[in-house]
Amino acid sequence: EQRFTGPGHPNGFGPTKSALILATVQANI
């Protein structure tokens, strides 16, 4: 949530999307 931010999400994407991002990072990197 701290590392992945965007123009409309300067404080991250929230816990649900952050968990999905984490799963994506883990699966692919």
mmCIF file of all heavy atoms, coordinates in Angstrom:
data_MODEL
# 
_entry.id   MODEL 
# 
loop_
_atom_site.group_PDB 
_atom_site.id 
_atom_site.type_symbol 
_atom_site.label_atom_id 
_atom_site.label_alt_id 
_atom_site.label_comp_id 
_atom_site.label_asym_id 
_atom_site.label_entity_id 
_atom_site.label_seq_id 
_atom_site.pdbx_PDB_ins_code 
_atom_site.Cartn_x 
_atom_site.Cartn_y 
_atom_site.Cartn_z 
_atom_site.occupancy 
_atom_site.B_iso_or_equiv 
_atom_site.pdbx_formal_charge 
_atom_site.auth_seq_id 
_atom_site.auth_comp_id 
_atom_site.auth_asym_id 
_atom_site.auth_atom_id 
_atom_site.pdbx_PDB_model_num 
ATOM 1   N N   . GLU A 1 1  ? 0.823   -1.213  0.000   1.00 0.00 ? 1  GLU A N   1 
ATOM 2   C CA  . GLU A 1 1  ? 0.000   0.000   0.000   1.00 0.00 ? 1  GLU A CA  1 
ATOM 3   C C   . GLU A 1 1  ? 0.859   1.266   0.000   1.00 0.00 ? 1  GLU A C   1 
ATOM 4   O O   . GLU A 1 1  ? 0.494   2.272   -0.589  1.00 0.00 ? 1  GLU A O   1 
ATOM 5   C CB  . GLU A 1 1  ? -0.935  -0.012  1.199   1.00 0.00 ? 1  GLU A CB  1 
ATOM 6   C CG  . GLU A 1 1  ? -2.081  0.946   1.048   1.00 0.00 ? 1  GLU A CG  1 
ATOM 7   C CD  . GLU A 1 1  ? -3.221  0.652   2.001   1.00 0.00 ? 1  GLU A CD  1 
ATOM 8   O OE1 . GLU A 1 1  ? -3.172  -0.340  2.746   1.00 0.00 ? 1  GLU A OE1 1 
ATOM 9   O OE2 . GLU A 1 1  ? -4.166  1.447   2.005   1.00 0.00 ? 1  GLU A OE2 1 
ATOM 10  N N   . GLN A 1 2  ? 2.015   1.194   0.618   1.00 0.00 ? 2  GLN A N   1 
ATOM 11  C CA  . GLN A 1 2  ? 2.936   2.338   0.619   1.00 0.00 ? 2  GLN A CA  1 
ATOM 12  C C   . GLN A 1 2  ? 3.735   2.420   -0.688  1.00 0.00 ? 2  GLN A C   1 
ATOM 13  O O   . GLN A 1 2  ? 4.043   3.498   -1.179  1.00 0.00 ? 2  GLN A O   1 
ATOM 14  C CB  . GLN A 1 2  ? 3.910   2.250   1.793   1.00 0.00 ? 2  GLN A CB  1 
ATOM 15  C CG  . GLN A 1 2  ? 3.246   2.446   3.125   1.00 0.00 ? 2  GLN A CG  1 
ATOM 16  C CD  . GLN A 1 2  ? 4.220   2.246   4.289   1.00 0.00 ? 2  GLN A CD  1 
ATOM 17  O OE1 . GLN A 1 2  ? 5.345   1.783   4.102   1.00 0.00 ? 2  GLN A OE1 1 
ATOM 18  N NE2 . GLN A 1 2  ? 3.789   2.590   5.481   1.00 0.00 ? 2  GLN A NE2 1 
ATOM 19  N N   . ARG A 1 3  ? 4.083   1.269   -1.240  1.00 0.00 ? 3  ARG A N   1 
ATOM 20  C CA  . ARG A 1 3  ? 4.976   1.213   -2.401  1.00 0.00 ? 3  ARG A CA  1 
ATOM 21  C C   . ARG A 1 3  ? 4.250   1.496   -3.714  1.00 0.00 ? 3  ARG A C   1 
ATOM 22  O O   . ARG A 1 3  ? 4.773   2.153   -4.604  1.00 0.00 ? 3  ARG A O   1 
ATOM 23  C CB  . ARG A 1 3  ? 5.639   -0.165  -2.448  1.00 0.00 ? 3  ARG A CB  1 
ATOM 24  C CG  . ARG A 1 3  ? 6.633   -0.331  -3.567  1.00 0.00 ? 3  ARG A CG  1 
ATOM 25  C CD  . ARG A 1 3  ? 7.489   -1.570  -3.377  1.00 0.00 ? 3  ARG A CD  1 
ATOM 26  N NE  . ARG A 1 3  ? 8.554   -1.263  -2.419  1.00 0.00 ? 3  ARG A NE  1 
ATOM 27  C CZ  . ARG A 1 3  ? 8.653   -1.810  -1.202  1.00 0.00 ? 3  ARG A CZ  1 
ATOM 28  N NH1 . ARG A 1 3  ? 7.794   -2.696  -0.793  1.00 0.00 ? 3  ARG A NH1 1 
ATOM 29  N NH2 . ARG A 1 3  ? 9.634   -1.467  -0.398  1.00 0.00 ? 3  ARG A NH2 1 
ATOM 30  N N   . PHE A 1 4  ? 3.047   0.964   -3.860  1.00 0.00 ? 4  PHE A N   1 
ATOM 31  C CA  . PHE A 1 4  ? 2.292   1.122   -5.097  1.00 0.00 ? 4  PHE A CA  1 
ATOM 32  C C   . PHE A 1 4  ? 1.272   2.247   -4.913  1.00 0.00 ? 4  PHE A C   1 
ATOM 33  O O   . PHE A 1 4  ? 0.330   2.114   -4.161  1.00 0.00 ? 4  PHE A O   1 
ATOM 34  C CB  . PHE A 1 4  ? 1.565   -0.176  -5.462  1.00 0.00 ? 4  PHE A CB  1 
ATOM 35  C CG  . PHE A 1 4  ? 2.467   -1.244  -6.002  1.00 0.00 ? 4  PHE A CG  1 
ATOM 36  C CD1 . PHE A 1 4  ? 3.191   -2.058  -5.141  1.00 0.00 ? 4  PHE A CD1 1 
ATOM 37  C CD2 . PHE A 1 4  ? 2.597   -1.460  -7.371  1.00 0.00 ? 4  PHE A CD2 1 
ATOM 38  C CE1 . PHE A 1 4  ? 4.029   -3.048  -5.633  1.00 0.00 ? 4  PHE A CE1 1 
ATOM 39  C CE2 . PHE A 1 4  ? 3.421   -2.452  -7.868  1.00 0.00 ? 4  PHE A CE2 1 
ATOM 40  C CZ  . PHE A 1 4  ? 4.143   -3.249  -7.000  1.00 0.00 ? 4  PHE A CZ  1 
ATOM 41  N N   . THR A 1 5  ? 1.509   3.338   -5.631  1.00 0.00 ? 5  THR A N   1 
ATOM 42  C CA  . THR A 1 5  ? 0.614   4.489   -5.574  1.00 0.00 ? 5  THR A CA  1 
ATOM 43  C C   . THR A 1 5  ? 0.284   4.909   -6.999  1.00 0.00 ? 5  THR A C   1 
ATOM 44  O O   . THR A 1 5  ? 0.903   4.427   -7.957  1.00 0.00 ? 5  THR A O   1 
ATOM 45  C CB  . THR A 1 5  ? 1.272   5.666   -4.830  1.00 0.00 ? 5  THR A CB  1 
ATOM 46  O OG1 . THR A 1 5  ? 2.494   6.014   -5.491  1.00 0.00 ? 5  THR A OG1 1 
ATOM 47  C CG2 . THR A 1 5  ? 1.564   5.316   -3.369  1.00 0.00 ? 5  THR A CG2 1 
ATOM 48  N N   . GLY A 1 6  ? -0.682  5.789   -7.135  1.00 0.00 ? 6  GLY A N   1 
ATOM 49  C CA  . GLY A 1 6  ? -1.052  6.294   -8.449  1.00 0.00 ? 6  GLY A CA  1 
ATOM 50  C C   . GLY A 1 6  ? -1.542  7.713   -8.326  1.00 0.00 ? 6  GLY A C   1 
ATOM 51  O O   . GLY A 1 6  ? -1.745  8.210   -7.214  1.00 0.00 ? 6  GLY A O   1 
ATOM 52  N N   . PRO A 1 7  ? -1.751  8.374   -9.459  1.00 0.00 ? 7  PRO A N   1 
ATOM 53  C CA  . PRO A 1 7  ? -2.174  9.774   -9.424  1.00 0.00 ? 7  PRO A CA  1 
ATOM 54  C C   . PRO A 1 7  ? -3.418  10.017  -8.566  1.00 0.00 ? 7  PRO A C   1 
ATOM 55  O O   . PRO A 1 7  ? -3.477  10.975  -7.820  1.00 0.00 ? 7  PRO A O   1 
ATOM 56  C CB  . PRO A 1 7  ? -2.455  10.106  -10.896 1.00 0.00 ? 7  PRO A CB  1 
ATOM 57  C CG  . PRO A 1 7  ? -1.666  9.112   -11.668 1.00 0.00 ? 7  PRO A CG  1 
ATOM 58  C CD  . PRO A 1 7  ? -1.606  7.879   -10.813 1.00 0.00 ? 7  PRO A CD  1 
ATOM 59  N N   . GLY A 1 8  ? -4.388  9.145   -8.653  1.00 0.00 ? 8  GLY A N   1 
ATOM 60  C CA  . GLY A 1 8  ? -5.603  9.273   -7.852  1.00 0.00 ? 8  GLY A CA  1 
ATOM 61  C C   . GLY A 1 8  ? -5.541  8.526   -6.535  1.00 0.00 ? 8  GLY A C   1 
ATOM 62  O O   . GLY A 1 8  ? -6.506  8.498   -5.780  1.00 0.00 ? 8  GLY A O   1 
ATOM 63  N N   . HIS A 1 9  ? -4.407  7.883   -6.279  1.00 0.00 ? 9  HIS A N   1 
ATOM 64  C CA  . HIS A 1 9  ? -4.226  7.080   -5.065  1.00 0.00 ? 9  HIS A CA  1 
ATOM 65  C C   . HIS A 1 9  ? -2.845  7.357   -4.461  1.00 0.00 ? 9  HIS A C   1 
ATOM 66  O O   . HIS A 1 9  ? -1.997  6.462   -4.400  1.00 0.00 ? 9  HIS A O   1 
ATOM 67  C CB  . HIS A 1 9  ? -4.359  5.592   -5.386  1.00 0.00 ? 9  HIS A CB  1 
ATOM 68  C CG  . HIS A 1 9  ? -5.698  5.208   -5.914  1.00 0.00 ? 9  HIS A CG  1 
ATOM 69  N ND1 . HIS A 1 9  ? -6.014  5.270   -7.259  1.00 0.00 ? 9  HIS A ND1 1 
ATOM 70  C CD2 . HIS A 1 9  ? -6.825  4.790   -5.277  1.00 0.00 ? 9  HIS A CD2 1 
ATOM 71  C CE1 . HIS A 1 9  ? -7.259  4.881   -7.427  1.00 0.00 ? 9  HIS A CE1 1 
ATOM 72  N NE2 . HIS A 1 9  ? -7.779  4.585   -6.246  1.00 0.00 ? 9  HIS A NE2 1 
ATOM 73  N N   . PRO A 1 10 ? -2.592  8.591   -4.005  1.00 0.00 ? 10 PRO A N   1 
ATOM 74  C CA  . PRO A 1 10 ? -1.268  8.927   -3.474  1.00 0.00 ? 10 PRO A CA  1 
ATOM 75  C C   . PRO A 1 10 ? -0.929  8.193   -2.176  1.00 0.00 ? 10 PRO A C   1 
ATOM 76  O O   . PRO A 1 10 ? 0.234   8.094   -1.818  1.00 0.00 ? 10 PRO A O   1 
ATOM 77  C CB  . PRO A 1 10 ? -1.336  10.441  -3.254  1.00 0.00 ? 10 PRO A CB  1 
ATOM 78  C CG  . PRO A 1 10 ? -2.793  10.724  -3.078  1.00 0.00 ? 10 PRO A CG  1 
ATOM 79  C CD  . PRO A 1 10 ? -3.508  9.737   -3.960  1.00 0.00 ? 10 PRO A CD  1 
ATOM 80  N N   . ASN A 1 11 ? -1.953  7.654   -1.512  1.00 0.00 ? 11 ASN A N   1 
ATOM 81  C CA  . ASN A 1 11 ? -1.730  6.912   -0.268  1.00 0.00 ? 11 ASN A CA  1 
ATOM 82  C C   . ASN A 1 11 ? -1.961  5.422   -0.460  1.00 0.00 ? 11 ASN A C   1 
ATOM 83  O O   . ASN A 1 11 ? -2.258  4.704   0.487   1.00 0.00 ? 11 ASN A O   1 
ATOM 84  C CB  . ASN A 1 11 ? -2.643  7.451   0.838   1.00 0.00 ? 11 ASN A CB  1 
ATOM 85  C CG  . ASN A 1 11 ? -2.342  8.902   1.155   1.00 0.00 ? 11 ASN A CG  1 
ATOM 86  O OD1 . ASN A 1 11 ? -1.190  9.284   1.261   1.00 0.00 ? 11 ASN A OD1 1 
ATOM 87  N ND2 . ASN A 1 11 ? -3.380  9.706   1.279   1.00 0.00 ? 11 ASN A ND2 1 
ATOM 88  N N   . GLY A 1 12 ? -1.834  4.944   -1.671  1.00 0.00 ? 12 GLY A N   1 
ATOM 89  C CA  . GLY A 1 12 ? -2.008  3.531   -1.947  1.00 0.00 ? 12 GLY A CA  1 
ATOM 90  C C   . GLY A 1 12 ? -3.414  3.209   -2.427  1.00 0.00 ? 12 GLY A C   1 
ATOM 91  O O   . GLY A 1 12 ? -4.277  4.079   -2.522  1.00 0.00 ? 12 GLY A O   1 
ATOM 92  N N   . PHE A 1 13 ? -3.644  1.934   -2.717  1.00 0.00 ? 13 PHE A N   1 
ATOM 93  C CA  . PHE A 1 13 ? -4.900  1.484   -3.309  1.00 0.00 ? 13 PHE A CA  1 
ATOM 94  C C   . PHE A 1 13 ? -5.826  0.790   -2.314  1.00 0.00 ? 13 PHE A C   1 
ATOM 95  O O   . PHE A 1 13 ? -6.809  0.179   -2.713  1.00 0.00 ? 13 PHE A O   1 
ATOM 96  C CB  . PHE A 1 13 ? -4.599  0.551   -4.490  1.00 0.00 ? 13 PHE A CB  1 
ATOM 97  C CG  . PHE A 1 13 ? -4.021  1.282   -5.658  1.00 0.00 ? 13 PHE A CG  1 
ATOM 98  C CD1 . PHE A 1 13 ? -2.651  1.466   -5.774  1.00 0.00 ? 13 PHE A CD1 1 
ATOM 99  C CD2 . PHE A 1 13 ? -4.834  1.819   -6.644  1.00 0.00 ? 13 PHE A CD2 1 
ATOM 100 C CE1 . PHE A 1 13 ? -2.110  2.159   -6.853  1.00 0.00 ? 13 PHE A CE1 1 
ATOM 101 C CE2 . PHE A 1 13 ? -4.307  2.508   -7.721  1.00 0.00 ? 13 PHE A CE2 1 
ATOM 102 C CZ  . PHE A 1 13 ? -2.941  2.683   -7.830  1.00 0.00 ? 13 PHE A CZ  1 
ATOM 103 N N   . GLY A 1 14 ? -5.511  0.861   -1.035  1.00 0.00 ? 14 GLY A N   1 
ATOM 104 C CA  . GLY A 1 14 ? -6.348  0.223   -0.021  1.00 0.00 ? 14 GLY A CA  1 
ATOM 105 C C   . GLY A 1 14 ? -5.961  -1.224  0.180   1.00 0.00 ? 14 GLY A C   1 
ATOM 106 O O   . GLY A 1 14 ? -5.268  -1.823  -0.647  1.00 0.00 ? 14 GLY A O   1 
ATOM 107 N N   . PRO A 1 15 ? -6.404  -1.800  1.285   1.00 0.00 ? 15 PRO A N   1 
ATOM 108 C CA  . PRO A 1 15 ? -5.967  -3.161  1.638   1.00 0.00 ? 15 PRO A CA  1 
ATOM 109 C C   . PRO A 1 15 ? -6.423  -4.251  0.670   1.00 0.00 ? 15 PRO A C   1 
ATOM 110 O O   . PRO A 1 15 ? -5.675  -5.193  0.415   1.00 0.00 ? 15 PRO A O   1 
ATOM 111 C CB  . PRO A 1 15 ? -6.526  -3.378  3.037   1.00 0.00 ? 15 PRO A CB  1 
ATOM 112 C CG  . PRO A 1 15 ? -7.540  -2.315  3.252   1.00 0.00 ? 15 PRO A CG  1 
ATOM 113 C CD  . PRO A 1 15 ? -7.223  -1.194  2.323   1.00 0.00 ? 15 PRO A CD  1 
ATOM 114 N N   . THR A 1 16 ? -7.614  -4.137  0.106   1.00 0.00 ? 16 THR A N   1 
ATOM 115 C CA  . THR A 1 16 ? -8.091  -5.190  -0.795  1.00 0.00 ? 16 THR A CA  1 
ATOM 116 C C   . THR A 1 16 ? -7.279  -5.219  -2.080  1.00 0.00 ? 16 THR A C   1 
ATOM 117 O O   . THR A 1 16 ? -6.759  -6.276  -2.477  1.00 0.00 ? 16 THR A O   1 
ATOM 118 C CB  . THR A 1 16 ? -9.590  -5.001  -1.112  1.00 0.00 ? 16 THR A CB  1 
ATOM 119 O OG1 . THR A 1 16 ? -10.324 -5.025  0.121   1.00 0.00 ? 16 THR A OG1 1 
ATOM 120 C CG2 . THR A 1 16 ? -10.099 -6.099  -2.034  1.00 0.00 ? 16 THR A CG2 1 
ATOM 121 N N   . LYS A 1 17 ? -7.135  -4.064  -2.729  1.00 0.00 ? 17 LYS A N   1 
ATOM 122 C CA  . LYS A 1 17 ? -6.347  -4.014  -3.964  1.00 0.00 ? 17 LYS A CA  1 
ATOM 123 C C   . LYS A 1 17 ? -4.879  -4.284  -3.675  1.00 0.00 ? 17 LYS A C   1 
ATOM 124 O O   . LYS A 1 17 ? -4.193  -4.915  -4.489  1.00 0.00 ? 17 LYS A O   1 
ATOM 125 C CB  . LYS A 1 17 ? -6.525  -2.670  -4.671  1.00 0.00 ? 17 LYS A CB  1 
ATOM 126 C CG  . LYS A 1 17 ? -7.882  -2.528  -5.341  1.00 0.00 ? 17 LYS A CG  1 
ATOM 127 C CD  . LYS A 1 17 ? -7.996  -1.243  -6.120  1.00 0.00 ? 17 LYS A CD  1 
ATOM 128 C CE  . LYS A 1 17 ? -9.358  -1.125  -6.781  1.00 0.00 ? 17 LYS A CE  1 
ATOM 129 N NZ  . LYS A 1 17 ? -9.489  0.144   -7.524  1.00 0.00 ? 17 LYS A NZ  1 
ATOM 130 N N   . SER A 1 18 ? -4.393  -3.833  -2.532  1.00 0.00 ? 18 SER A N   1 
ATOM 131 C CA  . SER A 1 18 ? -2.985  -4.088  -2.186  1.00 0.00 ? 18 SER A CA  1 
ATOM 132 C C   . SER A 1 18 ? -2.732  -5.580  -2.021  1.00 0.00 ? 18 SER A C   1 
ATOM 133 O O   . SER A 1 18 ? -1.671  -6.078  -2.399  1.00 0.00 ? 18 SER A O   1 
ATOM 134 C CB  . SER A 1 18 ? -2.601  -3.319  -0.925  1.00 0.00 ? 18 SER A CB  1 
ATOM 135 O OG  . SER A 1 18 ? -2.608  -1.929  -1.189  1.00 0.00 ? 18 SER A OG  1 
ATOM 136 N N   . ALA A 1 19 ? -3.701  -6.308  -1.460  1.00 0.00 ? 19 ALA A N   1 
ATOM 137 C CA  . ALA A 1 19 ? -3.556  -7.762  -1.325  1.00 0.00 ? 19 ALA A CA  1 
ATOM 138 C C   . ALA A 1 19 ? -3.513  -8.418  -2.702  1.00 0.00 ? 19 ALA A C   1 
ATOM 139 O O   . ALA A 1 19 ? -2.749  -9.366  -2.936  1.00 0.00 ? 19 ALA A O   1 
ATOM 140 C CB  . ALA A 1 19 ? -4.699  -8.332  -0.488  1.00 0.00 ? 19 ALA A CB  1 
ATOM 141 N N   . LEU A 1 20 ? -4.305  -7.912  -3.637  1.00 0.00 ? 20 LEU A N   1 
ATOM 142 C CA  . LEU A 1 20 ? -4.291  -8.445  -5.006  1.00 0.00 ? 20 LEU A CA  1 
ATOM 143 C C   . LEU A 1 20 ? -2.985  -8.113  -5.712  1.00 0.00 ? 20 LEU A C   1 
ATOM 144 O O   . LEU A 1 20 ? -2.439  -8.939  -6.448  1.00 0.00 ? 20 LEU A O   1 
ATOM 145 C CB  . LEU A 1 20 ? -5.483  -7.901  -5.794  1.00 0.00 ? 20 LEU A CB  1 
ATOM 146 C CG  . LEU A 1 20 ? -6.870  -8.325  -5.278  1.00 0.00 ? 20 LEU A CG  1 
ATOM 147 C CD1 . LEU A 1 20 ? -7.961  -7.570  -6.011  1.00 0.00 ? 20 LEU A CD1 1 
ATOM 148 C CD2 . LEU A 1 20 ? -7.045  -9.825  -5.424  1.00 0.00 ? 20 LEU A CD2 1 
ATOM 149 N N   . ILE A 1 21 ? -2.480  -6.905  -5.481  1.00 0.00 ? 21 ILE A N   1 
ATOM 150 C CA  . ILE A 1 21 ? -1.180  -6.520  -6.048  1.00 0.00 ? 21 ILE A CA  1 
ATOM 151 C C   . ILE A 1 21 ? -0.097  -7.436  -5.504  1.00 0.00 ? 21 ILE A C   1 
ATOM 152 O O   . ILE A 1 21 ? 0.753   -7.937  -6.245  1.00 0.00 ? 21 ILE A O   1 
ATOM 153 C CB  . ILE A 1 21 ? -0.858  -5.042  -5.738  1.00 0.00 ? 21 ILE A CB  1 
ATOM 154 C CG1 . ILE A 1 21 ? -1.838  -4.111  -6.453  1.00 0.00 ? 21 ILE A CG1 1 
ATOM 155 C CG2 . ILE A 1 21 ? 0.584   -4.717  -6.137  1.00 0.00 ? 21 ILE A CG2 1 
ATOM 156 C CD1 . ILE A 1 21 ? -1.792  -2.666  -5.960  1.00 0.00 ? 21 ILE A CD1 1 
ATOM 157 N N   . LEU A 1 22 ? -0.124  -7.678  -4.192  1.00 0.00 ? 22 LEU A N   1 
ATOM 158 C CA  . LEU A 1 22 ? 0.861   -8.559  -3.557  1.00 0.00 ? 22 LEU A CA  1 
ATOM 159 C C   . LEU A 1 22 ? 0.816   -9.951  -4.180  1.00 0.00 ? 22 LEU A C   1 
ATOM 160 O O   . LEU A 1 22 ? 1.862   -10.528 -4.500  1.00 0.00 ? 22 LEU A O   1 
ATOM 161 C CB  . LEU A 1 22 ? 0.607   -8.628  -2.052  1.00 0.00 ? 22 LEU A CB  1 
ATOM 162 C CG  . LEU A 1 22 ? 1.508   -9.562  -1.257  1.00 0.00 ? 22 LEU A CG  1 
ATOM 163 C CD1 . LEU A 1 22 ? 2.969   -9.125  -1.345  1.00 0.00 ? 22 LEU A CD1 1 
ATOM 164 C CD2 . LEU A 1 22 ? 1.057   -9.621  0.195   1.00 0.00 ? 22 LEU A CD2 1 
ATOM 165 N N   . ALA A 1 23 ? -0.382  -10.488 -4.376  1.00 0.00 ? 23 ALA A N   1 
ATOM 166 C CA  . ALA A 1 23 ? -0.513  -11.814 -4.988  1.00 0.00 ? 23 ALA A CA  1 
ATOM 167 C C   . ALA A 1 23 ? 0.063   -11.824 -6.401  1.00 0.00 ? 23 ALA A C   1 
ATOM 168 O O   . ALA A 1 23 ? 0.717   -12.784 -6.813  1.00 0.00 ? 23 ALA A O   1 
ATOM 169 C CB  . ALA A 1 23 ? -1.978  -12.240 -5.005  1.00 0.00 ? 23 ALA A CB  1 
ATOM 170 N N   . THR A 1 24 ? -0.141  -10.741 -7.130  1.00 0.00 ? 24 THR A N   1 
ATOM 171 C CA  . THR A 1 24 ? 0.378   -10.628 -8.492  1.00 0.00 ? 24 THR A CA  1 
ATOM 172 C C   . THR A 1 24 ? 1.896   -10.559 -8.505  1.00 0.00 ? 24 THR A C   1 
ATOM 173 O O   . THR A 1 24 ? 2.557   -11.223 -9.310  1.00 0.00 ? 24 THR A O   1 
ATOM 174 C CB  . THR A 1 24 ? -0.224  -9.378  -9.177  1.00 0.00 ? 24 THR A CB  1 
ATOM 175 O OG1 . THR A 1 24 ? -1.650  -9.496  -9.169  1.00 0.00 ? 24 THR A OG1 1 
ATOM 176 C CG2 . THR A 1 24 ? 0.267   -9.238  -10.605 1.00 0.00 ? 24 THR A CG2 1 
ATOM 177 N N   . VAL A 1 25 ? 2.443   -9.762  -7.599  1.00 0.00 ? 25 VAL A N   1 
ATOM 178 C CA  . VAL A 1 25 ? 3.914   -9.650  -7.479  1.00 0.00 ? 25 VAL A CA  1 
ATOM 179 C C   . VAL A 1 25 ? 4.499   -11.017 -7.156  1.00 0.00 ? 25 VAL A C   1 
ATOM 180 O O   . VAL A 1 25 ? 5.455   -11.470 -7.792  1.00 0.00 ? 25 VAL A O   1 
ATOM 181 C CB  . VAL A 1 25 ? 4.301   -8.613  -6.405  1.00 0.00 ? 25 VAL A CB  1 
ATOM 182 C CG1 . VAL A 1 25 ? 5.782   -8.711  -6.054  1.00 0.00 ? 25 VAL A CG1 1 
ATOM 183 C CG2 . VAL A 1 25 ? 3.960   -7.205  -6.867  1.00 0.00 ? 25 VAL A CG2 1 
ATOM 184 N N   . GLN A 1 26 ? 3.920   -11.677 -6.158  1.00 0.00 ? 26 GLN A N   1 
ATOM 185 C CA  . GLN A 1 26 ? 4.455   -12.966 -5.740  1.00 0.00 ? 26 GLN A CA  1 
ATOM 186 C C   . GLN A 1 26 ? 4.368   -14.000 -6.852  1.00 0.00 ? 26 GLN A C   1 
ATOM 187 O O   . GLN A 1 26 ? 5.308   -14.754 -7.080  1.00 0.00 ? 26 GLN A O   1 
ATOM 188 C CB  . GLN A 1 26 ? 3.728   -13.463 -4.491  1.00 0.00 ? 26 GLN A CB  1 
ATOM 189 C CG  . GLN A 1 26 ? 4.654   -13.597 -3.345  1.00 0.00 ? 26 GLN A CG  1 
ATOM 190 C CD  . GLN A 1 26 ? 3.974   -14.039 -2.078  1.00 0.00 ? 26 GLN A CD  1 
ATOM 191 O OE1 . GLN A 1 26 ? 2.856   -13.666 -1.782  1.00 0.00 ? 26 GLN A OE1 1 
ATOM 192 N NE2 . GLN A 1 26 ? 4.678   -14.836 -1.328  1.00 0.00 ? 26 GLN A NE2 1 
ATOM 193 N N   . ALA A 1 27 ? 3.247   -14.050 -7.545  1.00 0.00 ? 27 ALA A N   1 
ATOM 194 C CA  . ALA A 1 27 ? 3.060   -15.056 -8.596  1.00 0.00 ? 27 ALA A CA  1 
ATOM 195 C C   . ALA A 1 27 ? 3.982   -14.845 -9.782  1.00 0.00 ? 27 ALA A C   1 
ATOM 196 O O   . ALA A 1 27 ? 4.420   -15.809 -10.406 1.00 0.00 ? 27 ALA A O   1 
ATOM 197 C CB  . ALA A 1 27 ? 1.597   -15.045 -9.060  1.00 0.00 ? 27 ALA A CB  1 
ATOM 198 N N   . ASN A 1 28 ? 4.312   -13.591 -10.084 1.00 0.00 ? 28 ASN A N   1 
ATOM 199 C CA  . ASN A 1 28 ? 5.050   -13.302 -11.313 1.00 0.00 ? 28 ASN A CA  1 
ATOM 200 C C   . ASN A 1 28 ? 6.497   -12.891 -11.150 1.00 0.00 ? 28 ASN A C   1 
ATOM 201 O O   . ASN A 1 28 ? 7.261   -12.961 -12.108 1.00 0.00 ? 28 ASN A O   1 
ATOM 202 C CB  . ASN A 1 28 ? 4.306   -12.199 -12.087 1.00 0.00 ? 28 ASN A CB  1 
ATOM 203 C CG  . ASN A 1 28 ? 2.977   -12.691 -12.594 1.00 0.00 ? 28 ASN A CG  1 
ATOM 204 O OD1 . ASN A 1 28 ? 2.917   -13.420 -13.549 1.00 0.00 ? 28 ASN A OD1 1 
ATOM 205 N ND2 . ASN A 1 28 ? 1.898   -12.313 -11.907 1.00 0.00 ? 28 ASN A ND2 1 
ATOM 206 N N   . ILE A 1 29 ? 6.888   -12.457 -9.962  1.00 0.00 ? 29 ILE A N   1 
ATOM 207 C CA  . ILE A 1 29 ? 8.272   -11.995 -9.784  1.00 0.00 ? 29 ILE A CA  1 
ATOM 208 C C   . ILE A 1 29 ? 9.028   -12.844 -8.758  1.00 0.00 ? 29 ILE A C   1 
ATOM 209 O O   . ILE A 1 29 ? 10.170  -13.206 -8.984  1.00 0.00 ? 29 ILE A O   1 
ATOM 210 C CB  . ILE A 1 29 ? 8.327   -10.503 -9.385  1.00 0.00 ? 29 ILE A CB  1 
ATOM 211 C CG1 . ILE A 1 29 ? 7.684   -9.658  -10.506 1.00 0.00 ? 29 ILE A CG1 1 
ATOM 212 C CG2 . ILE A 1 29 ? 9.765   -10.064 -9.154  1.00 0.00 ? 29 ILE A CG2 1 
ATOM 213 C CD1 . ILE A 1 29 ? 7.645   -8.164  -10.213 1.00 0.00 ? 29 ILE A CD1 1 
# 
